[in-house]
Protein backbone atom coordinates (compact mmCIF):
# COMPACT_ATOMS: atom_id res chain seq x y z
CA UNK A 1 -26.59 33.92 -42.33
CA UNK A 2 -24.16 36.26 -40.32
CA UNK A 3 -26.79 35.60 -37.46
CA UNK A 4 -26.81 31.86 -37.72
CA UNK A 5 -23.10 31.87 -37.89
CA UNK A 6 -22.33 34.08 -34.81
CA UNK A 7 -25.21 31.78 -32.87
CA UNK A 8 -22.93 28.41 -33.36
CA UNK A 9 -19.98 30.15 -32.89
CA UNK A 10 -21.12 31.18 -29.48
CA UNK A 11 -22.64 27.52 -28.71
CA UNK A 12 -19.25 26.48 -30.03
CA UNK A 13 -17.76 28.44 -27.40
CA UNK A 14 -19.52 27.88 -24.76
CA UNK A 15 -19.69 24.14 -25.51
CA UNK A 16 -15.69 24.56 -25.43
CA UNK A 17 -15.71 26.00 -22.14
CA UNK A 18 -18.12 23.65 -20.22
CA UNK A 19 -14.73 20.97 -21.60
CA UNK A 20 -12.69 22.60 -20.30
CA UNK A 21 -14.30 22.93 -16.83
CA UNK A 22 -14.65 19.49 -16.98
CA UNK A 23 -11.47 18.03 -17.62
CA UNK A 24 -10.04 20.32 -14.95
CA UNK A 25 -12.40 19.12 -12.79
CA UNK A 26 -11.21 15.14 -13.85
CA UNK A 27 -7.18 16.41 -13.51
CA UNK A 28 -8.19 17.43 -9.86
CA UNK A 29 -9.65 14.12 -9.16
CA UNK A 30 -6.90 12.40 -10.82
CA UNK A 31 -4.31 14.35 -8.68
CA UNK A 32 -6.14 13.73 -5.80
CA UNK A 33 -6.81 9.88 -6.51
CA UNK A 34 -2.99 9.97 -6.54
CA UNK A 35 -1.81 11.10 -3.45
CA UNK A 36 -4.43 8.75 -1.96
CA UNK A 37 -2.33 5.87 -4.06
CA UNK A 38 0.74 7.34 -3.13
CA UNK A 39 -0.41 7.89 0.71
CA UNK A 40 -1.66 3.98 0.54
CA UNK A 41 1.13 2.94 -0.70
CA UNK A 42 3.50 4.11 1.88
CA UNK A 43 1.16 2.41 4.41
CA UNK A 44 1.37 -0.48 2.55
CA UNK A 45 5.21 -0.31 2.94
CA UNK A 46 5.74 0.47 6.56
CA UNK A 47 3.60 -2.67 6.88
CA UNK A 48 5.50 -4.95 5.02
CA UNK A 49 8.72 -3.19 6.66
CA UNK A 50 6.85 -4.61 9.69
CA UNK A 51 7.17 -8.32 9.10
CA UNK A 52 11.00 -8.09 8.10
CA UNK A 53 12.17 -10.28 11.27
CA UNK A 54 9.26 -12.48 11.11
CA UNK A 55 9.58 -15.72 9.61
CA UNK A 56 7.08 -18.46 8.71
CA UNK A 57 7.43 -22.44 10.00
CA UNK A 58 5.04 -25.10 8.22
CA UNK A 59 4.17 -28.48 9.02
CA UNK A 60 3.92 -28.30 13.01
CA UNK A 61 0.86 -30.25 13.87
CA UNK A 62 -2.12 -28.16 15.81
CA UNK A 63 -1.51 -28.05 19.60
CA UNK A 64 2.00 -28.90 19.31
CA UNK A 65 3.44 -26.30 20.69
CA UNK A 66 1.17 -25.74 24.06
CA UNK A 67 0.15 -23.29 25.89
CA UNK A 68 3.95 -21.43 25.27
CA UNK A 69 4.09 -20.80 21.63
CA UNK A 70 7.55 -18.95 21.82
CA UNK A 71 9.49 -20.85 24.42
CA UNK A 72 8.40 -24.13 22.27
CA UNK A 73 9.74 -22.28 18.35
CA UNK A 74 12.42 -20.95 20.09
CA UNK A 75 13.70 -24.55 21.66
CA UNK A 76 12.45 -26.12 18.35
CA UNK A 77 14.82 -24.14 16.64
CA UNK A 78 17.60 -24.96 18.32
CA UNK A 79 17.34 -28.24 18.16
CA UNK A 80 16.43 -28.60 14.13
CA UNK A 81 18.72 -25.97 13.19
CA UNK A 82 21.41 -26.74 15.03
CA UNK A 83 21.77 -23.79 16.48
CA UNK A 84 24.54 -22.80 19.26
CA UNK A 85 22.10 -20.50 21.13
CA UNK A 86 18.45 -20.37 21.64
CA UNK A 87 17.14 -17.35 19.33
CA UNK A 88 15.43 -14.81 20.87
CA UNK A 89 12.12 -14.66 19.39
CA UNK A 90 8.99 -12.00 20.30
CA UNK A 91 5.92 -13.97 19.76
CA UNK A 92 5.01 -17.31 17.76
CA UNK A 93 1.21 -17.82 16.94
CA UNK A 94 -1.07 -19.68 14.08
CA UNK A 95 -2.21 -17.77 11.08
CA UNK A 96 -5.83 -16.12 11.99
CA UNK A 97 -7.77 -18.24 9.37
CA UNK A 98 -10.09 -21.15 10.92
CA UNK A 99 -8.63 -23.85 13.19
CA UNK A 100 -8.37 -26.71 10.38
CA UNK A 101 -10.59 -30.04 10.70
CA UNK A 102 -9.59 -33.51 11.24
CA UNK A 103 -7.13 -34.46 8.73
CA UNK A 104 -6.60 -31.33 6.95
CA UNK A 105 -2.86 -29.37 7.02
CA UNK A 106 -2.20 -27.29 10.20
CA UNK A 107 -1.89 -23.93 9.91
CA UNK A 108 1.78 -21.81 9.90
CA UNK A 109 3.35 -20.86 13.23
CA UNK A 110 4.30 -17.12 12.46
CA UNK A 111 7.18 -16.07 14.56
CA UNK A 112 8.70 -12.96 15.02
CA UNK A 113 12.42 -12.97 15.55
CA UNK A 114 13.81 -10.60 17.71
CA UNK A 115 16.98 -9.57 15.93
CA UNK A 116 17.10 -9.32 12.07
CA UNK A 117 20.84 -10.97 11.74
CA UNK A 118 19.32 -14.16 13.28
CA UNK A 119 16.40 -14.55 11.21
CA UNK A 120 18.85 -14.43 8.78
CA UNK A 121 21.01 -17.40 10.29
CA UNK A 122 17.72 -19.54 10.63
CA UNK A 123 16.20 -19.51 7.36
CA UNK A 124 20.55 -19.86 6.08
CA UNK A 125 20.66 -23.28 7.97
CA UNK A 126 16.96 -23.69 6.88
CA UNK A 127 18.19 -23.66 3.21
CA UNK A 128 21.34 -25.88 4.18
CA UNK A 129 19.54 -28.37 6.33
CA UNK A 130 16.51 -29.03 4.41
CA UNK A 131 14.55 -31.60 4.77
CA UNK A 132 13.92 -30.81 7.86
CA UNK A 133 12.19 -33.11 10.21
CA UNK A 134 10.88 -32.86 14.23
CA UNK A 135 9.36 -35.61 15.52
CA UNK A 136 9.02 -37.72 13.10
CA UNK A 137 6.83 -34.54 11.29
CA UNK A 138 8.42 -32.60 7.58
CA UNK A 139 8.62 -28.89 8.56
CA UNK A 140 9.51 -26.14 6.30
CA UNK A 141 10.80 -22.17 7.41
CA UNK A 142 10.29 -19.52 5.07
CA UNK A 143 10.52 -15.52 4.92
CA UNK A 144 7.46 -14.13 5.89
CA UNK A 145 6.31 -11.96 2.97
CA UNK A 146 3.66 -10.19 1.31
CA UNK A 147 2.22 -12.13 -1.85
CA UNK A 148 3.09 -8.70 -3.71
CA UNK A 149 6.55 -8.75 -2.34
CA UNK A 150 7.19 -12.39 -2.76
CA UNK A 151 6.30 -12.06 -6.44
CA UNK A 152 8.78 -9.43 -6.89
CA UNK A 153 11.72 -11.52 -5.56
CA UNK A 154 10.37 -14.58 -7.45
CA UNK A 155 11.26 -12.26 -10.10
CA UNK A 156 14.83 -12.23 -9.79
CA UNK A 157 14.86 -16.37 -9.99
CA UNK A 158 16.83 -16.32 -13.25
CA UNK A 159 19.32 -13.43 -12.48
CA UNK A 160 20.44 -15.36 -9.02
CA UNK A 161 20.80 -18.47 -11.51
CA UNK A 162 22.88 -16.79 -13.63
CA UNK A 163 25.08 -15.34 -11.11
CA UNK A 164 25.86 -18.66 -9.32
CA UNK A 165 27.70 -19.38 -12.27
CA UNK A 166 29.80 -15.93 -12.33
CA UNK A 167 33.49 -16.33 -10.58
CA UNK A 168 34.11 -13.83 -7.92
CA UNK A 169 31.06 -11.84 -8.14
CA UNK A 170 29.15 -11.81 -4.96
CA UNK A 171 25.46 -10.67 -4.04
CA UNK A 172 22.13 -10.53 -2.75
CA UNK A 173 18.79 -10.26 -2.60
CA UNK A 174 17.46 -7.17 -0.30
CA UNK A 175 14.30 -6.03 1.37
CA UNK A 176 11.77 -5.40 0.10
CA UNK A 177 13.45 -6.28 -3.73
CA UNK A 178 16.46 -5.07 -5.00
CA UNK A 179 19.29 -7.34 -5.75
CA UNK A 180 22.87 -5.78 -5.22
CA UNK A 181 25.78 -7.47 -7.35
CA UNK A 182 29.40 -6.73 -6.12
CA UNK A 183 31.36 -7.34 -9.30
CA UNK A 184 35.14 -9.07 -9.08
CA UNK A 185 36.64 -5.52 -8.99
CA UNK A 186 34.67 -4.57 -5.62
CA UNK A 187 32.30 -2.67 -6.97
CA UNK A 188 28.48 -2.72 -6.38
CA UNK A 189 25.35 -2.07 -8.40
CA UNK A 190 21.87 -2.55 -7.70
CA UNK A 191 19.05 -3.02 -9.67
CA UNK A 192 15.16 -3.16 -8.86
CA UNK A 193 14.23 -4.09 -12.46
CA UNK A 194 15.34 -7.75 -13.36
CA UNK A 195 15.65 -7.21 -17.20
CA UNK A 196 18.05 -4.39 -16.46
CA UNK A 197 19.90 -6.66 -13.79
CA UNK A 198 20.42 -9.63 -17.19
CA UNK A 199 22.01 -6.75 -19.18
CA UNK A 200 24.33 -5.21 -16.70
CA UNK A 201 25.58 -9.31 -16.34
CA UNK A 202 25.54 -9.70 -20.08
CA UNK A 203 27.75 -6.51 -20.93
CA UNK A 204 29.63 -6.47 -17.76
CA UNK A 205 30.16 -10.14 -16.00
CA UNK A 206 31.83 -13.51 -17.37
CA UNK A 207 29.35 -16.19 -16.77
CA UNK A 208 30.09 -19.71 -17.31
CA UNK A 209 25.68 -19.51 -18.59
CA UNK A 210 24.72 -18.06 -21.32
CA UNK A 211 22.35 -14.91 -20.57
CA UNK A 212 19.68 -14.15 -22.62
CA UNK A 213 17.92 -10.85 -24.24
CA UNK A 214 15.01 -10.18 -23.17
CA UNK A 215 12.16 -9.80 -25.92
C-alpha cells in the first residue's frame, strides 16, 4: 500500500513538473507574441502618421486630371474652395484599385498636401462650402484615414455634438483620435475614450443638451 502511494505521488510530481514546464513555454510564447504585436502596432502608427497630410478627393471623373494630376488638382482646389493661393501639393494619384468600367463611379484621388495647416484649411473650407461642384460634377473632400483610425474618430461624434451646445467651451479632435476640451476657465483636458469625455462633460461643463449616462 505504501509502495503504491509512493509510486502515485512520484507520477503526480512528474506530471506536475511536465505541466509546469509547459506553462513556462506558453508564457514565453505569449510574451514573444505580445512583443511582436507591439512592434506591429508601432509600424501601423508610423504608416498612419505618413498619411496625416493626405486628403481624399471623391467624384472627379476618371482621366480629368490628365497627365499632370498634381497641378490639375491644385488648380481645382483653389477654384472650388475659393482659396487665396494655390495649395502646394506633393503628389496626387488615383487609388490603386482597378480602373472602373463604364457606368461605374470614378476612383478617389489621394492627394498629399505639403503643409499640414494648408490641409486643415482645405478640409475646413470643404465643410463650409459643401456641397461642392466642379464642371457640373459633385465633389467631396475628406481626410484620408485608415479604417481603424476613422472608426476611433467617429466614436467621438456624440461627444462633439454635446460640446457644440456648451457655451464658452472650445474643443478639437487631434490625430489619431484624441479629443481636447478647453473649458471656459482656459484649462485643457485630453481624452482618448468617448465615455470618459462624456462623464467629464456631465460633471464639469454646462450644456444646453442633456448628457446621458453610458450603460
